[in-house]
Amino acid sequence: MSRFLPLLAVLTVLSLVATACQPVAPQTPAPPETTVIRVGTGDSGDGLTPHQQIIQAYEDQHPNVIAQLEPVAGRDYYARLLTQLAAKAAPDIMQIGDDAVPSFVEKGAFAPLDECIAANNFDTGIYLPGLLEPGQVDGVQYLLPKDYSPLAVYYNKKIFDAAGVAYPSPDWTWDDLLATAQALTDPAQGIYGIQLPATWTTGFEYWVAAAGGQLISDDGTQFVGYMDSPETIRALQFYAGLYNKEKVAPPAVDFNQFGGGNAEFDNGQAAMRLFGRWPQAGMLENPNIDLGVVNPPQDARRANILFWGGFGVASTSRAADAACEFLLYYVGEPGAQVWKDWALPAVASVAEESGLMQDPIQGVWIEELNHLVPRAYTHTPYWNEAADPALRRALETVLLDPQADVAATLQRAAQEAQTALDDLLAK
């Protein structure tokens, strides 16, 4: 075989020379890997439009990212999220409301955002006052704000003008509210002074806070002594009195409907309404209403409560870093430029530049962020299970029965809530 070795060597050299003389094809860089970020929301209908606009803008700037919006309409949204979390199949970004934050965090649903915020040099000082705290548990930031609403009092200038009654002023008190409602109530014309939200426990928290009280201890372990405190008793006596004693508020149509199911304000049959900002757009277009908005009146103190929705990164996300970057865009200044056309923006500079702070209606809602007190749910993840049912029954009892003993009713409610809480804490 040795005689074939020279020939083999020659052929090998010729092959290498031919290969070297071949033109080298240009190298095509590998396309960047596409990252898919799933975004869960409970919004639906037109409420999806701002989500889609922000997602499109982000994808235009990040062609290697696809943000997939996953709306879940209806009352099963939280249940579906929890099921997906248990199966490690939840969206990377999840939207929830403020009162669900403690329980979701306790279940380990969200990843802490503090490292993400620091790594991206994100300035949380961009937000209006009071909007970071609802997304925190034990000082750790788990969610960032999407939208929000404090409470305010809507008033119909048509009814005020017809009765010759002055519009409410920001420094008004509970006594002023009662006097104004009495002056505007006209049984002959079917006009009530104010429409109230019946057994809505969250709305009732405002009355307790304004009276100087709170419904639970700061450490989240005691309802007794708080839900039945003198301040809470005073709040419920005044609130129920507007219905039963003074008769300036229409009776609830149906306690099973949100806010009692009343429509007197929309129909031009109530001069005022205490509620959040959600129905305001329809009121501005309602021919029955010439709308004004003022802060809720003060009693022992000027107080308000916040309703809040936010976004966080799921603890099960397989693309946590990319999800975090997207989240900071979604809830940062770029996202706020879109949200401002659909809801009040959370970013102070956007609210200022858009003129909302100076607007006689929109500015009221933003100003009220300076008067917030913590909601009861911030002290315990068990508010909805332990306290809400007991307090709701107490409100219904007192509103239905003018002779009900308010103090005794609240004492029973506090004890019921305490027993339920103790059982949950013992598990």
Protein backbone atom coordinates (compact mmCIF):
# COMPACT_ATOMS: atom_id res chain seq x y z
CA MET A 1 0.00 0.00 0.00
CA SER A 2 2.98 2.29 0.40
CA ARG A 3 3.07 3.06 -3.36
CA PHE A 4 -0.32 4.81 -3.10
CA LEU A 5 0.72 7.27 -0.36
CA PRO A 6 2.40 9.87 -2.65
CA LEU A 7 -0.66 9.96 -4.92
CA LEU A 8 -2.98 10.38 -1.92
CA ALA A 9 -0.86 13.24 -0.61
CA VAL A 10 -0.94 15.02 -3.97
CA LEU A 11 -4.71 14.70 -4.20
CA THR A 12 -5.12 16.02 -0.67
CA VAL A 13 -2.99 19.10 -1.40
CA LEU A 14 -4.88 19.82 -4.63
CA SER A 15 -8.18 19.57 -2.74
CA LEU A 16 -7.04 22.02 -0.09
CA VAL A 17 -5.82 24.48 -2.74
CA ALA A 18 -9.14 24.30 -4.60
CA THR A 19 -11.04 24.85 -1.41
CA ALA A 20 -8.91 27.85 -0.51
CA CYS A 21 -9.59 29.42 -3.91
CA GLN A 22 -13.38 29.13 -3.49
CA PRO A 23 -15.10 32.49 -2.73
CA VAL A 24 -16.22 32.69 0.92
CA ALA A 25 -20.00 33.09 1.30
CA PRO A 26 -20.96 35.99 3.61
CA GLN A 27 -22.10 34.89 7.06
CA THR A 28 -25.78 35.72 7.81
CA PRO A 29 -26.20 36.59 11.50
CA ALA A 30 -28.63 34.37 13.32
CA PRO A 31 -31.94 36.12 13.97
CA PRO A 32 -32.37 37.22 17.60
CA GLU A 33 -34.44 34.87 19.67
CA THR A 34 -38.01 36.06 20.05
CA THR A 35 -39.28 36.40 23.60
CA VAL A 36 -43.02 36.03 24.20
CA ILE A 37 -44.43 37.86 27.22
CA ARG A 38 -47.96 36.96 28.23
CA VAL A 39 -49.98 39.81 29.77
CA GLY A 40 -53.04 38.88 31.83
CA THR A 41 -55.80 41.41 32.44
CA GLY A 42 -59.32 41.46 33.77
CA ASP A 43 -60.23 44.33 31.43
CA SER A 44 -62.54 43.76 28.48
CA GLY A 45 -64.23 45.55 25.58
CA ASP A 46 -62.99 49.08 24.99
CA GLY A 47 -60.82 48.73 28.09
CA LEU A 48 -58.43 46.58 26.05
CA THR A 49 -57.62 49.41 23.63
CA PRO A 50 -54.98 51.15 25.77
CA HIS A 51 -53.32 47.80 26.50
CA GLN A 52 -53.10 47.11 22.78
CA GLN A 53 -51.74 50.57 22.00
CA ILE A 54 -48.98 50.32 24.60
CA ILE A 55 -48.09 46.80 23.50
CA GLN A 56 -47.83 47.89 19.87
CA ALA A 57 -45.53 50.79 20.77
CA TYR A 58 -43.32 48.51 22.86
CA GLU A 59 -43.08 45.86 20.14
CA ASP A 60 -42.15 48.52 17.58
CA GLN A 61 -39.18 49.45 19.77
CA HIS A 62 -38.34 45.83 20.69
CA PRO A 63 -38.77 43.71 17.53
CA ASN A 64 -37.54 40.60 19.33
CA VAL A 65 -40.39 40.77 21.86
CA ILE A 66 -43.99 39.71 21.41
CA ALA A 67 -46.40 40.80 24.16
CA GLN A 68 -49.47 38.61 24.08
CA LEU A 69 -52.53 40.15 25.75
CA GLU A 70 -54.73 37.61 27.55
CA PRO A 71 -58.00 39.20 28.75
CA VAL A 72 -60.24 37.25 31.08
CA ALA A 73 -63.61 38.93 31.49
CA GLY A 74 -66.01 38.04 34.25
CA ARG A 75 -65.85 37.22 37.95
CA ASP A 76 -63.59 34.18 37.60
CA TYR A 77 -60.47 36.15 36.70
CA TYR A 78 -58.70 35.69 40.04
CA ALA A 79 -59.71 32.04 40.24
CA ARG A 80 -58.28 31.45 36.79
CA LEU A 81 -55.02 33.20 37.68
CA LEU A 82 -54.63 31.09 40.81
CA THR A 83 -55.31 27.92 38.85
CA GLN A 84 -52.72 28.91 36.26
CA LEU A 85 -50.21 29.76 38.99
CA ALA A 86 -50.67 26.35 40.58
CA ALA A 87 -49.99 24.75 37.19
CA LYS A 88 -47.03 27.10 36.59
CA ALA A 89 -48.82 28.36 33.49
CA ALA A 90 -49.79 31.88 34.57
CA PRO A 91 -49.17 34.95 32.38
CA ASP A 92 -45.79 36.61 32.89
CA ILE A 93 -47.51 39.88 33.75
CA MET A 94 -50.63 39.80 35.92
CA GLN A 95 -53.09 42.58 36.73
CA ILE A 96 -54.99 42.53 40.01
CA GLY A 97 -56.88 44.94 42.23
CA ASP A 98 -55.56 46.33 45.48
CA ASP A 99 -57.60 44.21 47.88
CA ALA A 100 -56.25 41.02 46.26
CA VAL A 101 -52.60 42.03 46.68
CA PRO A 102 -52.03 40.66 50.22
CA SER A 103 -53.59 37.27 49.51
CA PHE A 104 -51.82 36.83 46.15
CA VAL A 105 -48.48 37.79 47.69
CA GLU A 106 -49.07 35.42 50.60
CA LYS A 107 -49.62 32.64 48.05
CA GLY A 108 -46.29 33.48 46.41
CA ALA A 109 -47.91 34.63 43.17
CA PHE A 110 -45.67 37.63 42.44
CA ALA A 111 -41.93 38.12 42.23
CA PRO A 112 -40.51 41.05 44.24
CA LEU A 113 -39.76 44.00 41.96
CA ASP A 114 -37.11 45.82 44.00
CA GLU A 115 -34.12 44.24 42.21
CA CYS A 116 -35.79 44.70 38.83
CA ILE A 117 -36.44 48.37 39.60
CA ALA A 118 -32.86 48.94 40.73
CA ALA A 119 -31.30 47.03 37.82
CA ASN A 120 -33.20 49.15 35.30
CA ASN A 121 -32.60 52.44 37.15
CA PHE A 122 -36.35 52.98 37.25
CA ASP A 123 -37.38 56.03 39.26
CA THR A 124 -40.44 55.21 41.36
CA GLY A 125 -40.59 58.88 42.33
CA ILE A 126 -42.44 59.53 39.07
CA TYR A 127 -45.74 58.48 40.63
CA LEU A 128 -48.39 60.63 42.26
CA PRO A 129 -48.62 60.34 46.07
CA GLY A 130 -50.09 57.18 47.55
CA LEU A 131 -49.89 55.06 44.38
CA LEU A 132 -46.91 52.88 45.27
CA GLU A 133 -48.13 51.66 48.66
CA PRO A 134 -51.05 49.48 47.43
CA GLY A 135 -48.54 47.34 45.53
CA GLN A 136 -46.36 46.74 48.61
CA VAL A 137 -46.44 44.06 51.29
CA ASP A 138 -44.15 44.45 54.30
CA GLY A 139 -42.28 47.21 52.50
CA VAL A 140 -41.51 45.09 49.41
CA GLN A 141 -42.82 46.29 46.03
CA TYR A 142 -44.68 43.52 44.20
CA LEU A 143 -46.86 45.54 41.81
CA LEU A 144 -46.79 48.95 40.16
CA PRO A 145 -49.86 51.13 39.46
CA LYS A 146 -52.09 50.92 36.42
CA ASP A 147 -55.14 52.99 37.41
CA TYR A 148 -56.86 54.24 40.53
CA SER A 149 -59.74 56.18 42.02
CA PRO A 150 -60.39 57.74 45.41
CA LEU A 151 -63.95 58.65 46.40
CA ALA A 152 -65.64 61.96 45.64
CA VAL A 153 -69.08 63.49 45.73
CA TYR A 154 -70.72 64.11 42.36
CA TYR A 155 -73.30 66.90 42.34
CA ASN A 156 -75.87 67.98 39.78
CA LYS A 157 -75.70 71.74 39.31
CA LYS A 158 -79.17 71.72 37.73
CA ILE A 159 -80.78 70.62 40.99
CA PHE A 160 -78.63 72.95 43.11
CA ASP A 161 -79.45 75.92 40.88
CA ALA A 162 -83.17 75.16 40.82
CA ALA A 163 -83.21 75.03 44.63
CA GLY A 164 -80.95 78.06 45.05
CA VAL A 165 -78.45 76.06 47.10
CA ALA A 166 -74.72 76.83 47.00
CA TYR A 167 -72.41 74.20 45.56
CA PRO A 168 -70.32 72.21 48.07
CA SER A 169 -66.88 73.61 48.90
CA PRO A 170 -63.69 71.64 49.63
CA ASP A 171 -63.79 72.56 53.33
CA TRP A 172 -67.28 71.21 53.96
CA THR A 173 -68.12 68.91 56.86
CA TRP A 174 -70.59 66.12 57.61
CA ASP A 175 -72.89 68.74 59.10
CA ASP A 176 -72.67 70.71 55.85
CA LEU A 177 -73.44 67.57 53.86
CA LEU A 178 -76.55 66.93 55.93
CA ALA A 179 -77.75 70.53 55.71
CA THR A 180 -77.18 70.57 51.94
CA ALA A 181 -78.96 67.25 51.43
CA GLN A 182 -81.90 68.41 53.53
CA ALA A 183 -82.20 71.63 51.53
CA LEU A 184 -82.23 69.70 48.26
CA THR A 185 -84.58 66.87 49.22
CA ASP A 186 -88.04 67.48 47.73
CA PRO A 187 -90.45 64.55 48.25
CA ALA A 188 -93.12 66.25 46.13
CA GLN A 189 -90.79 66.26 43.14
CA GLY A 190 -89.23 62.90 43.97
CA ILE A 191 -85.81 64.52 44.54
CA TYR A 192 -83.34 63.18 47.11
CA GLY A 193 -80.39 65.07 48.50
CA ILE A 194 -77.81 62.31 48.04
CA GLN A 195 -77.55 58.80 46.63
CA LEU A 196 -75.43 56.51 48.83
CA PRO A 197 -73.86 53.08 48.10
CA ALA A 198 -75.87 50.99 50.60
CA THR A 199 -73.92 48.02 52.03
CA TRP A 200 -70.74 48.59 50.04
CA THR A 201 -68.23 47.90 52.79
CA THR A 202 -65.29 49.48 51.00
CA GLY A 203 -67.17 52.73 50.56
CA PHE A 204 -68.10 52.62 54.24
CA GLU A 205 -64.40 52.66 55.12
CA TYR A 206 -64.35 56.34 54.15
CA TRP A 207 -66.93 57.19 56.83
CA VAL A 208 -64.95 55.33 59.48
CA ALA A 209 -61.71 57.01 58.43
CA ALA A 210 -63.28 60.48 58.40
CA ALA A 211 -64.62 59.87 61.92
CA GLY A 212 -61.05 59.15 62.99
CA GLY A 213 -61.32 55.37 63.25
CA GLN A 214 -60.17 52.21 61.52
CA LEU A 215 -61.71 48.77 61.17
CA ILE A 216 -58.72 46.60 62.16
CA SER A 217 -55.61 46.93 64.30
CA ASP A 218 -52.35 47.93 62.64
CA ASP A 219 -50.88 44.47 63.24
CA GLY A 220 -53.84 42.84 61.47
CA THR A 221 -54.93 40.66 64.39
CA GLN A 222 -57.86 42.50 66.00
CA PHE A 223 -61.31 43.52 64.80
CA VAL A 224 -62.77 43.76 68.29
CA GLY A 225 -62.15 47.27 69.57
CA TYR A 226 -61.93 48.64 66.03
CA MET A 227 -64.95 47.53 64.01
CA ASP A 228 -67.05 48.33 67.10
CA SER A 229 -65.11 51.42 68.24
CA PRO A 230 -66.86 54.72 69.12
CA GLU A 231 -65.62 56.16 65.82
CA THR A 232 -67.09 53.31 63.78
CA ILE A 233 -70.35 53.54 65.72
CA ARG A 234 -70.54 57.29 65.02
CA ALA A 235 -69.83 56.69 61.34
CA LEU A 236 -72.60 54.11 60.98
CA GLN A 237 -75.08 56.16 62.99
CA PHE A 238 -74.54 59.15 60.72
CA TYR A 239 -74.55 57.05 57.55
CA ALA A 240 -77.70 55.15 58.43
CA GLY A 241 -79.34 58.36 59.62
CA LEU A 242 -79.13 59.80 56.12
CA TYR A 243 -81.33 56.92 55.02
CA ASN A 244 -83.66 56.33 57.93
CA LYS A 245 -83.85 59.41 60.13
CA GLU A 246 -83.27 62.29 57.74
CA LYS A 247 -84.60 60.42 54.67
CA VAL A 248 -82.37 62.41 52.33
CA ALA A 249 -81.06 59.24 50.61
CA PRO A 250 -83.21 56.84 48.54
CA PRO A 251 -83.57 53.32 49.97
CA ALA A 252 -81.45 50.68 48.29
CA VAL A 253 -83.18 48.99 45.37
CA ASP A 254 -81.41 45.67 45.91
CA PHE A 255 -78.71 44.95 48.47
CA ASN A 256 -77.36 42.22 46.19
CA GLN A 257 -76.51 44.77 43.51
CA PHE A 258 -73.31 46.78 43.67
CA GLY A 259 -73.95 50.06 45.47
CA GLY A 260 -77.57 49.14 46.15
CA GLY A 261 -78.70 49.25 42.53
CA ASN A 262 -79.87 52.87 42.70
CA ALA A 263 -80.09 55.10 39.61
CA GLU A 264 -81.58 58.31 41.06
CA PHE A 265 -78.52 60.45 40.34
CA ASP A 266 -78.36 59.34 36.71
CA ASN A 267 -82.10 59.98 36.35
CA GLY A 268 -81.84 63.52 37.71
CA GLN A 269 -83.64 62.55 40.94
CA ALA A 270 -80.70 62.88 43.37
CA ALA A 271 -78.65 66.02 43.81
CA MET A 272 -75.43 64.30 44.98
CA ARG A 273 -73.80 60.90 44.82
CA LEU A 274 -70.83 59.50 46.77
CA PHE A 275 -68.82 57.11 44.61
CA GLY A 276 -65.61 56.47 42.67
CA ARG A 277 -64.62 57.90 39.31
CA TRP A 278 -65.69 54.93 37.18
CA PRO A 279 -69.10 56.21 35.94
CA GLN A 280 -67.94 59.80 35.38
CA ALA A 281 -67.62 59.61 31.58
CA GLY A 282 -71.28 58.63 31.27
CA MET A 283 -72.34 61.39 33.64
CA LEU A 284 -70.59 64.02 31.52
CA GLU A 285 -72.73 62.94 28.56
CA ASN A 286 -75.96 62.53 30.54
CA PRO A 287 -78.50 65.26 29.61
CA ASN A 288 -80.03 64.99 33.09
CA ILE A 289 -76.80 66.13 34.73
CA ASP A 290 -74.72 69.31 34.77
CA LEU A 291 -71.80 67.75 36.60
CA GLY A 292 -69.69 69.03 39.43
CA VAL A 293 -67.28 67.05 41.63
CA VAL A 294 -66.06 67.80 45.14
CA ASN A 295 -64.06 65.91 47.76
CA PRO A 296 -65.96 63.96 50.45
CA PRO A 297 -66.73 66.04 53.54
CA GLN A 298 -64.60 65.85 56.66
CA ASP A 299 -65.58 65.00 60.20
CA ALA A 300 -62.82 64.43 62.76
CA ARG A 301 -60.40 64.61 59.85
CA ARG A 302 -60.31 64.96 56.11
CA ALA A 303 -59.85 61.45 54.75
CA ASN A 304 -60.23 59.37 51.64
CA ILE A 305 -59.60 55.80 50.53
CA LEU A 306 -58.07 54.47 47.34
CA PHE A 307 -59.21 51.91 44.78
CA TRP A 308 -56.26 50.71 42.75
CA GLY A 309 -55.23 48.29 40.05
CA GLY A 310 -51.68 47.29 39.25
CA PHE A 311 -49.37 44.93 37.38
CA GLY A 312 -46.71 42.58 38.67
CA VAL A 313 -44.43 39.83 37.36
CA ALA A 314 -45.60 36.30 38.09
CA SER A 315 -43.27 34.28 40.27
CA THR A 316 -43.60 31.46 37.74
CA SER A 317 -42.47 33.54 34.76
CA ARG A 318 -39.79 31.90 32.60
CA ALA A 319 -38.92 35.31 31.10
CA ALA A 320 -38.76 37.36 34.29
CA ASP A 321 -36.10 39.83 33.12
CA ALA A 322 -37.88 40.59 29.85
CA ALA A 323 -41.22 40.76 31.65
CA CYS A 324 -39.76 43.22 34.14
CA GLU A 325 -38.46 45.51 31.38
CA PHE A 326 -41.85 45.40 29.67
CA LEU A 327 -43.64 46.10 32.96
CA LEU A 328 -41.60 49.24 33.63
CA TYR A 329 -42.57 50.53 30.17
CA TYR A 330 -46.19 49.55 30.66
CA VAL A 331 -46.57 51.43 33.94
CA GLY A 332 -43.94 54.10 33.33
CA GLU A 333 -44.11 57.40 31.50
CA PRO A 334 -44.60 55.86 28.01
CA GLY A 335 -47.56 53.82 29.21
CA ALA A 336 -49.01 56.75 31.16
CA GLN A 337 -49.13 58.80 27.96
CA VAL A 338 -51.67 56.25 26.71
CA TRP A 339 -53.50 55.57 29.99
CA LYS A 340 -54.25 59.29 30.42
CA ASP A 341 -56.81 59.10 27.61
CA TRP A 342 -58.65 56.28 29.36
CA ALA A 343 -58.11 56.78 33.06
CA LEU A 344 -56.27 59.08 35.42
CA PRO A 345 -52.52 58.69 34.80
CA ALA A 346 -50.37 57.49 37.68
CA VAL A 347 -47.29 59.43 36.57
CA ALA A 348 -47.19 62.95 38.01
CA SER A 349 -45.50 64.62 35.01
CA VAL A 350 -48.10 63.23 32.61
CA ALA A 351 -50.95 64.41 34.83
CA GLU A 352 -49.36 67.85 35.04
CA GLU A 353 -48.54 68.21 31.33
CA SER A 354 -52.02 67.12 30.28
CA GLY A 355 -53.65 69.82 32.43
CA LEU A 356 -55.60 67.30 34.51
CA MET A 357 -54.45 68.75 37.82
CA GLN A 358 -55.96 72.12 36.95
CA ASP A 359 -59.20 70.70 35.60
CA PRO A 360 -62.14 71.50 37.95
CA ILE A 361 -63.39 67.93 37.76
CA GLN A 362 -60.35 65.74 37.09
CA GLY A 363 -58.19 67.72 39.47
CA VAL A 364 -60.42 66.81 42.41
CA TRP A 365 -59.59 63.13 42.07
CA ILE A 366 -55.85 63.78 41.88
CA GLU A 367 -55.88 66.20 44.82
CA GLU A 368 -57.58 63.57 46.97
CA LEU A 369 -54.45 61.42 46.75
CA ASN A 370 -53.03 63.76 49.38
CA HIS A 371 -55.67 62.71 51.92
CA LEU A 372 -55.53 58.91 51.75
CA VAL A 373 -55.68 56.64 54.77
CA PRO A 374 -54.76 52.92 54.61
CA ARG A 375 -57.57 50.55 53.72
CA ALA A 376 -58.30 47.69 56.13
CA TYR A 377 -57.15 45.02 53.67
CA THR A 378 -53.58 46.40 53.88
CA HIS A 379 -53.32 44.99 57.41
CA THR A 380 -54.45 41.43 56.67
CA PRO A 381 -54.72 39.03 53.73
CA TYR A 382 -57.96 37.73 55.26
CA TRP A 383 -60.15 40.82 55.05
CA ASN A 384 -62.43 39.41 52.36
CA GLU A 385 -62.91 36.08 54.12
CA ALA A 386 -63.13 37.25 57.74
CA ALA A 387 -64.42 40.81 57.92
CA ASP A 388 -66.28 41.79 54.77
CA PRO A 389 -69.23 39.39 55.24
CA ALA A 390 -69.73 40.39 58.89
CA LEU A 391 -69.57 44.12 58.17
CA ARG A 392 -71.90 43.78 55.19
CA ARG A 393 -74.51 42.07 57.35
CA ALA A 394 -74.19 44.81 59.95
CA LEU A 395 -74.73 47.53 57.37
CA GLU A 396 -77.78 45.75 55.95
CA THR A 397 -79.26 45.25 59.41
CA VAL A 398 -78.97 48.92 60.33
CA LEU A 399 -80.16 50.23 56.96
CA LEU A 400 -83.23 47.99 56.98
CA ASP A 401 -84.20 48.54 60.61
CA PRO A 402 -84.31 52.15 61.84
CA GLN A 403 -84.67 50.83 65.39
CA ALA A 404 -81.57 48.63 65.25
CA ASP A 405 -79.00 49.18 67.99
CA VAL A 406 -75.96 50.33 66.02
CA ALA A 407 -73.46 49.68 68.81
CA ALA A 408 -74.75 46.17 69.51
CA THR A 409 -74.88 45.36 65.79
CA LEU A 410 -71.26 46.39 65.32
CA GLN A 411 -70.18 44.47 68.41
CA ARG A 412 -71.66 41.30 66.93
CA ALA A 413 -70.01 42.00 63.59
CA ALA A 414 -66.63 42.62 65.21
CA GLN A 415 -66.87 39.37 67.15
CA GLU A 416 -67.91 37.40 64.06
CA ALA A 417 -65.00 38.85 62.11
CA GLN A 418 -62.61 38.16 64.99
CA THR A 419 -63.66 34.54 65.29
CA ALA A 420 -63.25 34.00 61.55
CA LEU A 421 -59.84 35.72 61.58
CA ASP A 422 -58.60 33.70 64.56
CA ASP A 423 -59.59 30.48 62.83
CA LEU A 424 -57.74 31.49 59.66
CA LEU A 425 -54.63 32.54 61.56
CA ALA A 426 -54.62 29.24 63.43
CA LYS A 427 -54.48 27.16 60.24
